[in-house]
Amino acid sequence: MVKVLHTIVWAFFAACIVAIPVVAAARHFQSAFALIGVVALEVLVLLANGMRCPLTGIAARYTAERTDNFDIFLPRWLAASNKLIFGSLYAAGVAFTLALWAGWLRW
C-alpha cells in the first residue's frame, strides 16, 4: 500500500511539474504560480526530511530491499535519477514562467 501511495503522490507532483510551462505558455500565470507553490511545498518536505520522501522511510519498515525503486512503482533508472530529472524540469519551468510573466520572453 505504501508503494502504491508513493507512486500516486509522485505522479501528482510529476504532473504538476510538467504542467507548469504548459500553463504558463497559455498565459494562465495564476495557475502556473499555484503549481509552482504546490511543488515548492513538496521541496520543503524533502528538505526537512534529508532530501528523502517521508514515504520512503515508511516503506523501509516493511522490507529489507533497498534498490532505488523499492518504495515506488517506477523503473529503477527513473527512481535513481528522479530528483535530477524533475528538479531540472521544475527549475526550467519556474524560469520559463518568470520570463514570460516579466515580459523577458515572447511566446
Protein backbone atom coordinates (compact mmCIF):
# COMPACT_ATOMS: atom_id res chain seq x y z
CA MET A 1 0.00 0.00 0.00
CA VAL A 2 2.86 2.40 0.76
CA LYS A 3 4.36 1.75 -2.67
CA VAL A 4 1.01 2.47 -4.34
CA LEU A 5 0.51 5.66 -2.32
CA HIS A 6 4.09 6.79 -3.04
CA THR A 7 3.54 6.24 -6.77
CA ILE A 8 0.29 8.23 -6.72
CA VAL A 9 1.94 11.11 -4.83
CA TRP A 10 4.91 11.04 -7.22
CA ALA A 11 2.60 11.09 -10.26
CA PHE A 12 0.72 14.08 -8.83
CA PHE A 13 3.91 16.12 -8.34
CA ALA A 14 5.40 14.99 -11.66
CA ALA A 15 2.19 16.13 -13.39
CA CYS A 16 2.37 19.48 -11.59
CA ILE A 17 5.97 19.96 -12.75
CA VAL A 18 5.17 19.07 -16.35
CA ALA A 19 2.09 21.32 -16.30
CA ILE A 20 3.94 24.46 -15.12
CA PRO A 21 5.40 25.52 -18.51
CA VAL A 22 2.28 24.39 -20.37
CA VAL A 23 0.03 26.53 -18.17
CA ALA A 24 2.47 29.44 -18.32
CA ALA A 25 2.64 29.25 -22.12
CA ALA A 26 -1.15 29.57 -22.13
CA ARG A 27 -0.70 32.76 -20.07
CA HIS A 28 -2.51 31.35 -17.04
CA PHE A 29 0.05 32.77 -14.65
CA GLN A 30 -2.07 32.47 -11.52
CA SER A 31 -2.39 28.72 -12.13
CA ALA A 32 1.29 28.41 -13.02
CA PHE A 33 2.32 30.14 -9.79
CA ALA A 34 -0.09 27.94 -7.83
CA LEU A 35 1.55 24.84 -9.30
CA ILE A 36 4.99 26.28 -8.52
CA GLY A 37 3.84 26.81 -4.92
CA VAL A 38 2.46 23.28 -4.58
CA VAL A 39 5.74 21.79 -5.77
CA ALA A 40 7.70 24.21 -3.56
CA LEU A 41 5.84 22.78 -0.55
CA GLU A 42 6.94 19.29 -1.58
CA VAL A 43 10.53 20.55 -1.92
CA LEU A 44 10.31 21.90 1.65
CA VAL A 45 9.07 18.50 2.85
CA LEU A 46 12.00 16.81 1.10
CA LEU A 47 14.48 19.31 2.56
CA ALA A 48 13.08 18.78 6.05
CA ASN A 49 13.45 15.02 5.59
CA GLY A 50 17.06 14.95 4.38
CA MET A 51 16.07 15.03 0.67
CA ARG A 52 14.06 11.82 1.03
CA CYS A 53 10.34 11.41 0.71
CA PRO A 54 8.83 10.57 4.11
CA LEU A 55 7.08 7.63 2.43
CA THR A 56 10.49 6.06 1.73
CA GLY A 57 11.11 5.78 5.45
CA ILE A 58 7.70 4.25 5.99
CA ALA A 59 8.22 1.74 3.17
CA ALA A 60 11.63 0.81 4.60
CA ARG A 61 9.91 -0.51 7.73
CA TYR A 62 8.25 -3.25 5.70
CA THR A 63 11.13 -4.61 3.60
CA ALA A 64 14.86 -5.11 3.69
CA GLU A 65 15.07 -4.31 -0.03
CA ARG A 66 16.88 -1.05 -0.83
CA THR A 67 17.02 -0.83 -4.61
CA ASP A 68 16.34 2.65 -5.97
CA ASN A 69 12.72 1.75 -6.66
CA PHE A 70 11.93 -0.46 -3.66
CA ASP A 71 9.36 2.04 -2.43
CA ILE A 72 7.72 3.18 -5.69
CA PHE A 73 6.42 1.72 -8.94
CA LEU A 74 8.95 3.39 -11.24
CA PRO A 75 11.68 1.93 -13.41
CA ARG A 76 14.92 1.75 -11.44
CA TRP A 77 16.69 4.24 -13.75
CA LEU A 78 13.93 6.81 -13.22
CA ALA A 79 13.78 6.29 -9.47
CA ALA A 80 17.57 6.71 -9.31
CA SER A 81 17.54 9.95 -11.32
CA ASN A 82 14.17 11.29 -10.21
CA LYS A 83 15.42 14.33 -8.28
CA LEU A 84 17.84 15.35 -11.04
CA ILE A 85 15.29 14.96 -13.84
CA PHE A 86 12.29 16.54 -12.14
CA GLY A 87 14.35 19.11 -10.23
CA SER A 88 15.75 20.32 -13.55
CA LEU A 89 12.31 20.35 -15.17
CA TYR A 90 10.93 22.27 -12.18
CA ALA A 91 13.71 24.86 -12.27
CA ALA A 92 13.31 25.28 -16.04
CA GLY A 93 9.52 25.60 -15.67
CA VAL A 94 9.87 28.23 -12.97
CA ALA A 95 12.41 30.17 -15.06
CA PHE A 96 10.19 29.93 -18.15
CA THR A 97 7.15 31.09 -16.18
CA LEU A 98 9.00 34.03 -14.64
CA ALA A 99 10.46 35.05 -18.00
CA LEU A 100 7.03 35.03 -19.64
CA TRP A 101 5.36 36.78 -16.73
CA ALA A 102 8.02 39.51 -16.56
CA GLY A 103 7.89 40.03 -20.34
CA TRP A 104 11.50 38.97 -20.88
CA LEU A 105 10.39 36.23 -23.21
CA ARG A 106 7.85 36.45 -26.01
CA TRP A 107 5.98 33.23 -26.61
